[in-house]
Amino acid sequence: MPSILIKSATVINENKQFVADVLVKDGLIERIGKQIDAAADREINAEGLHLFPGCIDDQVHFREPGLTHKGTIFSESRAAVAGGITSFMEMPNTVPNTLTQQLLEDKYRVAARTSLANYSFFMGASNDNLDEVLRTDAKNVCGIKVFMGSSTGNMLVDNPATLENLFAQSPMLIATHCEDEATIQSNLEHYKQLLGENIPVRLHPKIRSEEACYLSSSMAVELAKKHGTRLHILHISTGKETYLFDNTIPLKDKKITAEACIHHLWFSDKDYESKGNLIKWNPAVKTGQDRDAILKAVLNGRIDVIATDHAPHTLEEKSKPYLQAPSGGPLVQHALPAMLELHHQGKISLEQIAEKMAHNVATCFQIENRGFIREGYWADLVLVNLKAPWTVSKDNILYKCKWSPFEGTSFQSKITATLVSGNIVYENGNLIENESGKRLSFTR
């Protein structure tokens, strides 16, 4: 593996900024120092650039197998590394749903051949596969995913006894999608009686309401406290939910953690008028007050990590009427630029971005030797130019679905290079596709 010497980068790491050289050998960070005089196969002049630990996205839907017309592990990992995401954790609501150990390992085999980024896959839970869930290897799998709200196929876990058993017996982290299905269906029926099938997308946050989110999230927290479960609640979408989480405990000691997603930090219900179904997600994008409260919780430590919930659909699918259009959207290529834009707006520091998108994800999931710029750790690194404006357009979108809710948005910061496990996989707009990422391992 070629050695790489990154010279004079402004390093963003562990709540510090400092100018340093970084020497990468055999895929690892060998040295960090003020001036490293060492021979290397490749030297990168990073003067004026910022070096971040590679982002770790703990929630993506890359659609393989079964839904590959929307995206594949290959296509979406390309977009991810172009956006500075060097590792991802992918969800089980593919087709077929990842509900057996065999299906789980099938996905790992595809990723080993085709993923440009490092990877892990969640084992899926249903109402009737507890024995399979309990066979999951905590050292080689990121976690168990529980949909406490509707999803693809047989993945809604709504049996109280099943939930009790999962929370009582899970040997590892449980990640939950929390929305109360009964509340959603009641709200939907209410609007169908008023409007028939012609429900506008602006009512999405009324149907998948604050009440639906809070009822389910608070129930998950109650179950976790009862059983001492390691719980991670995904995509918090309301300000009310943020108060379910504690910011007085060091992250390494927390049993209950939470995630915020890019779309809930960027968009609000006012954007449905211009974006329509392109910002239809589950849980829904809600009010500007909710958006501001989620960012506040990110900053004060109630919410621990920032992710994408990247979930591509075709434009044809998204162009259907509200009730027929699927929820979700592509985000991995634009997540870090969007957060850097919030930095330019004075809303979050560079150190906090590194913390929430890399350090804390590694800590939450106990990822082995990743998420920090440290000697001896894997060289998952991202070079960023904070003064290189560009505009999202169809010409530069890398998702297989070829659209983005950020299309037309101008960002001030650009990813200039991405290293995955010591390999340069993206540089100055070009993807280098001759190396694959590695399977994540966990210190559990």
Protein backbone atom coordinates (compact mmCIF):
# COMPACT_ATOMS: atom_id res chain seq x y z
CA MET A 1 0.00 0.00 0.00
CA PRO A 2 1.52 3.39 -0.97
CA SER A 3 2.59 5.65 1.89
CA ILE A 4 1.17 9.18 1.97
CA LEU A 5 2.51 12.32 3.68
CA ILE A 6 -0.03 15.09 4.20
CA LYS A 7 1.83 18.36 4.79
CA SER A 8 0.73 21.48 6.70
CA ALA A 9 -2.94 20.62 7.17
CA THR A 10 -5.10 22.36 9.75
CA VAL A 11 -6.15 19.31 11.75
CA ILE A 12 -9.62 19.26 13.36
CA ASN A 13 -9.57 16.58 16.04
CA GLU A 14 -10.71 16.01 19.62
CA ASN A 15 -11.82 19.58 20.24
CA LYS A 16 -8.59 21.09 18.88
CA GLN A 17 -7.34 22.85 15.76
CA PHE A 18 -3.64 22.73 14.94
CA VAL A 19 -1.37 22.72 11.89
CA ALA A 20 0.47 19.41 11.43
CA ASP A 21 1.84 16.86 9.03
CA VAL A 22 0.28 13.39 8.97
CA LEU A 23 2.16 10.31 7.73
CA VAL A 24 0.09 7.35 6.53
CA LYS A 25 1.68 3.91 6.11
CA ASP A 26 0.08 0.51 5.55
CA GLY A 27 -3.36 2.07 5.88
CA LEU A 28 -2.69 3.50 9.34
CA ILE A 29 -1.76 6.91 10.73
CA GLU A 30 1.88 6.34 11.63
CA ARG A 31 2.86 9.83 12.81
CA ILE A 32 1.32 13.23 13.51
CA GLY A 33 3.80 16.06 13.95
CA LYS A 34 4.64 19.68 13.27
CA GLN A 35 7.17 18.81 10.60
CA ILE A 36 7.65 15.26 9.46
CA ASP A 37 10.69 14.71 7.26
CA ALA A 38 10.08 11.23 5.91
CA ALA A 39 10.05 9.67 2.49
CA ALA A 40 6.59 8.78 1.19
CA ASP A 41 5.23 7.47 -2.09
CA ARG A 42 2.88 10.44 -2.29
CA GLU A 43 3.06 13.89 -0.72
CA ILE A 44 -0.01 16.13 -0.48
CA ASN A 45 0.41 19.86 0.13
CA ALA A 46 -2.53 20.63 2.42
CA GLU A 47 -1.58 24.19 3.33
CA GLY A 48 -4.79 26.18 3.79
CA LEU A 49 -6.90 23.01 3.91
CA HIS A 50 -8.62 21.44 6.93
CA LEU A 51 -8.13 17.76 7.76
CA PHE A 52 -11.09 16.04 9.41
CA PRO A 53 -11.49 12.47 10.62
CA GLY A 54 -13.62 10.65 8.06
CA CYS A 55 -17.33 10.91 8.81
CA ILE A 56 -19.08 7.76 10.01
CA ASP A 57 -22.73 7.61 8.97
CA ASP A 58 -24.66 5.34 11.33
CA GLN A 59 -27.83 5.24 9.22
CA VAL A 60 -28.02 4.69 5.48
CA HIS A 61 -30.26 2.73 3.10
CA PHE A 62 -28.14 1.75 0.10
CA ARG A 63 -30.96 -0.42 -1.37
CA GLU A 64 -29.03 -3.57 -2.22
CA PRO A 65 -30.36 -6.23 -2.60
CA GLY A 66 -33.77 -5.95 -4.18
CA LEU A 67 -34.15 -2.21 -4.77
CA THR A 68 -31.09 -1.59 -6.90
CA HIS A 69 -32.95 0.64 -9.36
CA LYS A 70 -32.69 3.24 -6.57
CA GLY A 71 -29.09 2.63 -5.52
CA THR A 72 -26.43 -0.01 -4.90
CA ILE A 73 -23.70 -0.39 -2.32
CA PHE A 74 -21.24 0.58 -5.05
CA SER A 75 -23.10 3.63 -6.36
CA GLU A 76 -24.02 5.09 -2.98
CA SER A 77 -20.60 4.42 -1.41
CA ARG A 78 -19.09 6.42 -4.30
CA ALA A 79 -21.32 9.34 -3.40
CA ALA A 80 -20.49 8.89 0.29
CA VAL A 81 -16.71 9.12 -0.09
CA ALA A 82 -17.10 12.12 -2.41
CA GLY A 83 -18.94 13.73 0.51
CA GLY A 84 -16.32 12.85 3.12
CA ILE A 85 -18.16 9.86 4.61
CA THR A 86 -15.58 7.09 4.98
CA SER A 87 -17.68 4.50 6.86
CA PHE A 88 -21.37 3.65 6.85
CA MET A 89 -23.84 1.43 8.69
CA GLU A 90 -26.63 0.19 6.46
CA MET A 91 -30.19 -0.69 7.38
CA PRO A 92 -31.99 -4.03 7.01
CA ASN A 93 -35.16 -2.95 5.13
CA THR A 94 -33.83 -4.12 1.79
CA VAL A 95 -35.62 -6.78 -0.27
CA PRO A 96 -35.55 -9.37 1.17
CA ASN A 97 -35.42 -7.84 4.63
CA THR A 98 -32.19 -8.71 6.48
CA LEU A 99 -33.85 -10.97 9.04
CA THR A 100 -31.48 -13.96 9.00
CA GLN A 101 -27.77 -14.34 9.61
CA GLN A 102 -27.38 -15.71 6.09
CA LEU A 103 -28.99 -12.65 4.49
CA LEU A 104 -26.85 -10.42 6.69
CA GLU A 105 -23.65 -12.09 5.54
CA ASP A 106 -24.79 -11.90 1.91
CA LYS A 107 -24.71 -8.10 2.21
CA TYR A 108 -21.22 -8.18 3.72
CA ARG A 109 -20.01 -10.21 0.76
CA VAL A 110 -21.34 -7.66 -1.72
CA ALA A 111 -19.75 -4.79 0.22
CA ALA A 112 -16.38 -6.57 0.37
CA ARG A 113 -16.35 -6.59 -3.43
CA THR A 114 -17.89 -3.23 -4.25
CA SER A 115 -17.90 -0.66 -1.42
CA LEU A 116 -15.46 2.25 -1.65
CA ALA A 117 -16.22 3.10 1.99
CA ASN A 118 -15.81 1.01 5.15
CA TYR A 119 -19.03 -0.74 6.03
CA SER A 120 -21.23 -2.47 8.56
CA PHE A 121 -24.81 -3.73 8.36
CA PHE A 122 -27.57 -3.84 10.97
CA MET A 123 -29.33 -7.09 11.73
CA GLY A 124 -33.08 -6.61 11.36
CA ALA A 125 -35.68 -7.50 13.97
CA SER A 126 -39.26 -8.56 13.27
CA ASN A 127 -42.09 -9.88 15.40
CA ASP A 128 -40.87 -13.46 14.92
CA ASN A 129 -37.08 -13.71 14.49
CA LEU A 130 -35.75 -13.25 18.02
CA ASP A 131 -33.64 -16.43 17.85
CA GLU A 132 -31.87 -15.14 14.73
CA VAL A 133 -31.32 -11.72 16.30
CA LEU A 134 -29.70 -13.26 19.36
CA ARG A 135 -27.15 -15.06 17.17
CA THR A 136 -25.68 -11.73 15.95
CA ASP A 137 -21.94 -11.29 16.57
CA ALA A 138 -21.45 -8.03 18.48
CA LYS A 139 -17.79 -7.79 17.44
CA ASN A 140 -18.53 -7.81 13.72
CA VAL A 141 -22.00 -6.24 13.40
CA CYS A 142 -22.89 -2.65 14.30
CA GLY A 143 -26.25 -3.33 15.94
CA ILE A 144 -29.85 -4.55 15.86
CA LYS A 145 -32.40 -2.38 14.04
CA VAL A 146 -35.96 -2.21 15.36
CA PHE A 147 -38.66 -0.36 13.41
CA MET A 148 -41.16 0.85 16.00
CA GLY A 149 -42.96 2.48 13.05
CA SER A 150 -43.95 1.24 9.60
CA SER A 151 -41.30 0.07 7.15
CA THR A 152 -40.71 -2.18 4.17
CA GLY A 153 -42.03 -5.74 4.44
CA ASN A 154 -42.18 -7.61 7.74
CA MET A 155 -40.18 -5.14 9.82
CA LEU A 156 -42.71 -3.30 11.96
CA VAL A 157 -42.17 -4.60 15.48
CA ASP A 158 -45.44 -3.83 17.27
CA ASN A 159 -45.88 -6.90 19.46
CA PRO A 160 -45.35 -5.78 23.09
CA ALA A 161 -44.00 -9.19 24.12
CA THR A 162 -41.50 -9.16 21.26
CA LEU A 163 -40.28 -5.69 22.22
CA GLU A 164 -39.90 -6.73 25.85
CA ASN A 165 -37.85 -9.77 24.84
CA LEU A 166 -35.68 -7.82 22.42
CA PHE A 167 -34.85 -5.15 24.98
CA ALA A 168 -34.34 -7.72 27.73
CA GLN A 169 -32.14 -10.13 25.77
CA SER A 170 -30.27 -8.15 23.10
CA PRO A 171 -26.52 -8.68 23.55
CA MET A 172 -25.70 -5.44 21.77
CA LEU A 173 -26.86 -1.98 20.74
CA ILE A 174 -30.47 -1.64 19.57
CA ALA A 175 -31.13 1.20 17.14
CA THR A 176 -34.78 2.22 16.85
CA HIS A 177 -36.99 4.07 14.41
CA CYS A 178 -39.59 5.51 16.76
CA GLU A 179 -43.06 6.50 15.56
CA ASP A 180 -46.30 5.20 17.05
CA GLU A 181 -48.12 3.41 14.26
CA ALA A 182 -51.61 3.64 15.81
CA THR A 183 -51.30 7.42 16.12
CA ILE A 184 -50.10 7.75 12.52
CA GLN A 185 -52.94 5.64 11.17
CA SER A 186 -55.51 7.61 13.19
CA ASN A 187 -54.12 10.91 11.88
CA LEU A 188 -54.07 9.58 8.32
CA GLU A 189 -57.67 8.42 8.53
CA HIS A 190 -58.67 11.86 9.86
CA TYR A 191 -57.18 13.64 6.85
CA LYS A 192 -58.55 11.07 4.41
CA GLN A 193 -62.05 11.75 5.73
CA LEU A 194 -61.47 15.49 5.25
CA LEU A 195 -59.63 15.45 1.92
CA GLY A 196 -59.98 12.02 0.40
CA GLU A 197 -56.89 10.90 -1.48
CA ASN A 198 -55.77 14.46 -2.27
CA ILE A 199 -53.75 15.07 0.88
CA PRO A 200 -51.01 17.70 0.36
CA VAL A 201 -47.47 16.85 1.45
CA ARG A 202 -47.47 19.83 3.83
CA LEU A 203 -49.68 17.72 6.13
CA HIS A 204 -47.03 15.01 6.42
CA PRO A 205 -45.79 16.38 9.79
CA LYS A 206 -49.38 16.46 11.02
CA ILE A 207 -49.91 12.82 10.09
CA ARG A 208 -46.50 11.61 11.35
CA SER A 209 -46.89 13.98 14.25
CA GLU A 210 -44.94 15.10 17.28
CA GLU A 211 -47.26 12.95 19.41
CA ALA A 212 -46.51 9.83 17.30
CA CYS A 213 -42.77 10.39 17.67
CA TYR A 214 -42.81 11.16 21.38
CA LEU A 215 -45.09 8.25 22.33
CA SER A 216 -42.75 5.78 20.63
CA SER A 217 -39.44 7.35 21.69
CA SER A 218 -40.52 7.62 25.32
CA MET A 219 -41.65 3.99 25.26
CA ALA A 220 -38.27 2.90 23.88
CA VAL A 221 -36.47 4.88 26.58
CA GLU A 222 -38.71 3.33 29.25
CA LEU A 223 -37.99 -0.20 27.96
CA ALA A 224 -34.25 0.48 27.83
CA LYS A 225 -34.19 1.81 31.38
CA LYS A 226 -36.22 -1.16 32.59
CA HIS A 227 -33.87 -3.74 31.04
CA GLY A 228 -30.55 -1.86 31.04
CA THR A 229 -30.48 -2.04 27.23
CA ARG A 230 -27.96 -0.18 25.10
CA LEU A 231 -30.42 1.95 23.09
CA HIS A 232 -29.73 4.37 20.24
CA ILE A 233 -32.74 6.31 18.93
CA LEU A 234 -32.42 7.37 15.30
CA HIS A 235 -33.46 10.59 13.51
CA ILE A 236 -34.96 12.68 16.32
CA SER A 237 -37.41 15.07 14.64
CA THR A 238 -39.03 17.03 17.47
CA GLY A 239 -37.83 19.39 20.16
CA LYS A 240 -39.99 17.58 22.71
CA GLU A 241 -38.08 14.32 22.23
CA THR A 242 -34.71 15.92 22.96
CA TYR A 243 -35.59 16.12 26.65
CA LEU A 244 -35.72 12.32 26.85
CA PHE A 245 -31.91 12.28 26.74
CA ASP A 246 -29.26 13.08 29.33
CA ASN A 247 -26.34 15.46 28.75
CA THR A 248 -24.79 15.07 32.20
CA ILE A 249 -23.22 11.64 31.59
CA PRO A 250 -19.98 11.14 29.61
CA LEU A 251 -20.80 9.60 26.25
CA LYS A 252 -18.75 6.46 26.92
CA ASP A 253 -20.96 5.77 29.95
CA LYS A 254 -24.33 6.47 28.31
CA LYS A 255 -26.73 3.57 27.87
CA ILE A 256 -29.25 5.66 25.89
CA THR A 257 -28.08 7.85 23.00
CA ALA A 258 -29.69 9.72 20.12
CA GLU A 259 -29.06 10.79 16.54
CA ALA A 260 -30.03 13.86 14.53
CA CYS A 261 -30.18 13.82 10.73
CA ILE A 262 -29.11 16.44 8.23
CA HIS A 263 -32.62 17.07 6.88
CA HIS A 264 -34.03 17.73 10.35
CA LEU A 265 -31.20 20.22 10.97
CA TRP A 266 -31.64 22.02 7.64
CA PHE A 267 -35.25 21.99 6.41
CA SER A 268 -38.55 22.95 8.08
CA ASP A 269 -42.25 22.59 7.27
CA LYS A 270 -42.05 25.86 5.31
CA ASP A 271 -39.92 24.03 2.71
CA TYR A 272 -42.71 21.64 1.68
CA GLU A 273 -44.11 24.37 -0.58
CA SER A 274 -40.98 24.48 -2.75
CA LYS A 275 -39.57 20.97 -2.22
CA GLY A 276 -42.73 18.87 -1.98
CA ASN A 277 -42.12 15.12 -1.75
CA LEU A 278 -38.36 15.64 -2.13
CA ILE A 279 -38.29 16.35 1.62
CA LYS A 280 -40.86 13.71 2.56
CA TRP A 281 -39.08 11.62 5.18
CA ASN A 282 -40.17 9.40 8.06
CA PRO A 283 -40.09 10.85 10.67
CA ALA A 284 -41.30 14.02 9.00
CA VAL A 285 -39.49 17.31 8.74
CA LYS A 286 -41.40 19.44 11.23
CA THR A 287 -41.38 23.08 12.38
CA GLY A 288 -38.59 25.62 12.41
CA GLN A 289 -38.82 25.52 16.20
CA ASP A 290 -38.24 21.76 16.13
CA ARG A 291 -35.26 22.22 13.82
CA ASP A 292 -33.71 24.81 16.14
CA ALA A 293 -34.34 22.67 19.21
CA ILE A 294 -32.65 19.66 17.57
CA LEU A 295 -29.57 21.74 16.76
CA LYS A 296 -29.55 23.04 20.34
CA ALA A 297 -29.63 19.43 21.59
CA VAL A 298 -26.74 18.52 19.28
CA LEU A 299 -24.70 21.38 20.71
CA ASN A 300 -25.54 20.72 24.37
CA GLY A 301 -24.96 16.96 24.22
CA ARG A 302 -28.50 15.63 24.53
CA ILE A 303 -28.14 14.39 20.94
CA ASP A 304 -24.87 12.58 20.36
CA VAL A 305 -24.37 12.04 16.64
CA ILE A 306 -25.29 13.46 13.24
CA ALA A 307 -26.19 11.10 10.37
CA THR A 308 -28.05 11.16 7.05
CA ASP A 309 -30.76 8.44 6.86
CA HIS A 310 -29.72 8.41 3.18
CA ALA A 311 -32.63 6.70 1.40
CA PRO A 312 -32.71 7.23 -2.37
CA HIS A 313 -35.80 6.84 -4.53
CA THR A 314 -36.24 7.59 -8.21
CA LEU A 315 -37.60 10.97 -9.27
CA GLU A 316 -40.49 9.13 -10.88
CA GLU A 317 -41.40 7.60 -7.53
CA LYS A 318 -41.02 10.93 -5.73
CA SER A 319 -43.21 12.68 -8.36
CA LYS A 320 -46.26 10.64 -7.45
CA PRO A 321 -49.08 12.10 -5.29
CA TYR A 322 -48.33 12.37 -1.57
CA LEU A 323 -49.97 9.11 -0.50
CA GLN A 324 -48.12 7.13 -3.18
CA ALA A 325 -44.72 8.83 -3.00
CA PRO A 326 -42.17 6.97 -0.86
CA SER A 327 -40.43 8.63 2.08
CA GLY A 328 -36.69 9.25 2.12
CA GLY A 329 -34.03 11.03 0.11
CA PRO A 330 -30.35 10.89 -0.86
CA LEU A 331 -27.94 12.79 1.40
CA VAL A 332 -24.50 11.19 1.84
CA GLN A 333 -22.73 13.33 -0.77
CA HIS A 334 -23.96 16.59 0.75
CA ALA A 335 -24.10 15.96 4.50
CA LEU A 336 -20.66 17.28 5.45
CA PRO A 337 -20.89 20.29 3.08
CA ALA A 338 -24.28 21.12 4.62
CA MET A 339 -22.88 20.97 8.16
CA LEU A 340 -19.90 23.09 7.10
CA GLU A 341 -22.41 25.59 5.73
CA LEU A 342 -24.04 25.75 9.18
CA HIS A 343 -20.53 26.44 10.49
CA HIS A 344 -20.17 29.36 8.07
CA GLN A 345 -23.50 30.62 9.42
CA GLY A 346 -22.04 30.60 12.95
CA LYS A 347 -24.29 27.79 14.19
CA ILE A 348 -21.72 25.06 14.92
CA SER A 349 -17.94 24.86 15.27
CA LEU A 350 -15.63 22.73 13.14
CA GLU A 351 -14.63 20.81 16.25
CA GLN A 352 -18.27 20.01 17.00
CA ILE A 353 -18.80 18.77 13.44
CA ALA A 354 -15.86 16.36 13.82
CA GLU A 355 -17.18 15.29 17.21
CA LYS A 356 -20.76 14.59 16.09
CA MET A 357 -19.98 13.08 12.68
CA ALA A 358 -16.89 11.01 13.57
CA HIS A 359 -15.66 10.86 17.19
CA ASN A 360 -19.03 10.28 18.85
CA VAL A 361 -20.22 7.72 16.32
CA ALA A 362 -17.06 5.69 16.95
CA THR A 363 -17.59 5.99 20.71
CA CYS A 364 -21.33 5.18 20.60
CA PHE A 365 -20.82 2.04 18.56
CA GLN A 366 -17.40 1.14 20.04
CA ILE A 367 -15.82 1.06 16.58
CA GLU A 368 -12.28 -0.25 16.65
CA ASN A 369 -9.50 2.24 15.77
CA ARG A 370 -11.57 4.67 13.71
CA GLY A 371 -13.26 8.02 14.11
CA PHE A 372 -10.24 9.97 15.38
CA ILE A 373 -7.00 11.31 13.94
CA ARG A 374 -4.69 9.32 16.19
CA GLU A 375 -1.42 7.50 15.66
CA GLY A 376 -2.12 3.80 15.18
CA TYR A 377 -5.68 4.38 13.97
CA TRP A 378 -6.89 3.64 10.46
CA ALA A 379 -6.30 6.56 8.09
CA ASP A 380 -9.91 7.55 7.39
CA LEU A 381 -9.32 11.22 6.55
CA VAL A 382 -11.01 14.06 4.70
CA LEU A 383 -9.35 17.20 3.34
CA VAL A 384 -11.69 20.18 3.03
CA ASN A 385 -11.31 23.59 1.42
CA LEU A 386 -13.52 25.95 3.41
CA LYS A 387 -13.18 28.63 0.73
CA ALA A 388 -14.19 26.82 -2.45
CA PRO A 389 -17.80 27.70 -3.34
CA TRP A 390 -19.82 25.36 -5.54
CA THR A 391 -23.44 24.69 -6.39
CA VAL A 392 -25.23 21.34 -6.32
CA SER A 393 -26.46 20.46 -9.82
CA LYS A 394 -27.47 17.39 -11.78
CA ASP A 395 -24.01 17.43 -13.37
CA ASN A 396 -22.21 16.84 -10.05
CA ILE A 397 -24.72 14.59 -8.24
CA LEU A 398 -23.30 11.07 -7.85
CA TYR A 399 -26.34 9.24 -6.44
CA LYS A 400 -27.75 6.60 -8.78
CA CYS A 401 -31.13 8.36 -8.53
CA LYS A 402 -29.47 11.56 -9.87
CA TRP A 403 -31.36 14.06 -7.71
CA SER A 404 -30.86 15.81 -4.39
CA PRO A 405 -33.04 17.98 -2.13
CA PHE A 406 -30.00 20.30 -2.15
CA GLU A 407 -30.06 20.79 -5.92
CA GLY A 408 -29.54 24.51 -6.57
CA THR A 409 -27.99 25.08 -3.12
CA SER A 410 -24.59 26.76 -3.01
CA PHE A 411 -22.06 25.57 -0.45
CA GLN A 412 -18.92 27.45 0.52
CA SER A 413 -16.87 24.34 1.37
CA LYS A 414 -15.68 21.55 -0.90
CA ILE A 415 -14.26 18.09 -0.20
CA THR A 416 -10.87 17.96 -1.94
CA ALA A 417 -9.68 14.46 -0.96
CA THR A 418 -10.93 11.42 0.95
CA LEU A 419 -8.80 8.58 2.32
CA VAL A 420 -10.44 5.30 3.30
CA SER A 421 -8.28 2.90 5.33
CA GLY A 422 -5.20 4.66 3.96
CA ASN A 423 -6.24 4.66 0.29
CA ILE A 424 -7.07 7.83 -1.63
CA VAL A 425 -10.53 7.08 -3.06
CA TYR A 426 -11.58 10.61 -4.04
CA GLU A 427 -9.46 13.58 -5.07
CA ASN A 428 -10.30 16.89 -6.76
CA GLY A 429 -13.61 15.67 -8.14
CA ASN A 430 -12.30 12.28 -9.29
CA LEU A 431 -13.14 8.88 -7.83
CA ILE A 432 -10.39 6.27 -7.59
CA GLU A 433 -12.19 2.94 -7.62
CA ASN A 434 -9.39 0.37 -7.45
CA GLU A 435 -9.65 -0.28 -3.70
CA SER A 436 -12.53 -1.43 -1.48
CA GLY A 437 -13.32 -0.33 2.04
CA LYS A 438 -13.01 -2.63 5.04
CA ARG A 439 -15.54 -4.27 7.35
CA LEU A 440 -15.87 -2.35 10.59
CA SER A 441 -15.05 -4.18 13.80
CA PHE A 442 -16.19 -3.31 17.31
CA THR A 443 -14.52 -3.48 20.74
CA ARG A 444 -17.38 -5.17 22.60
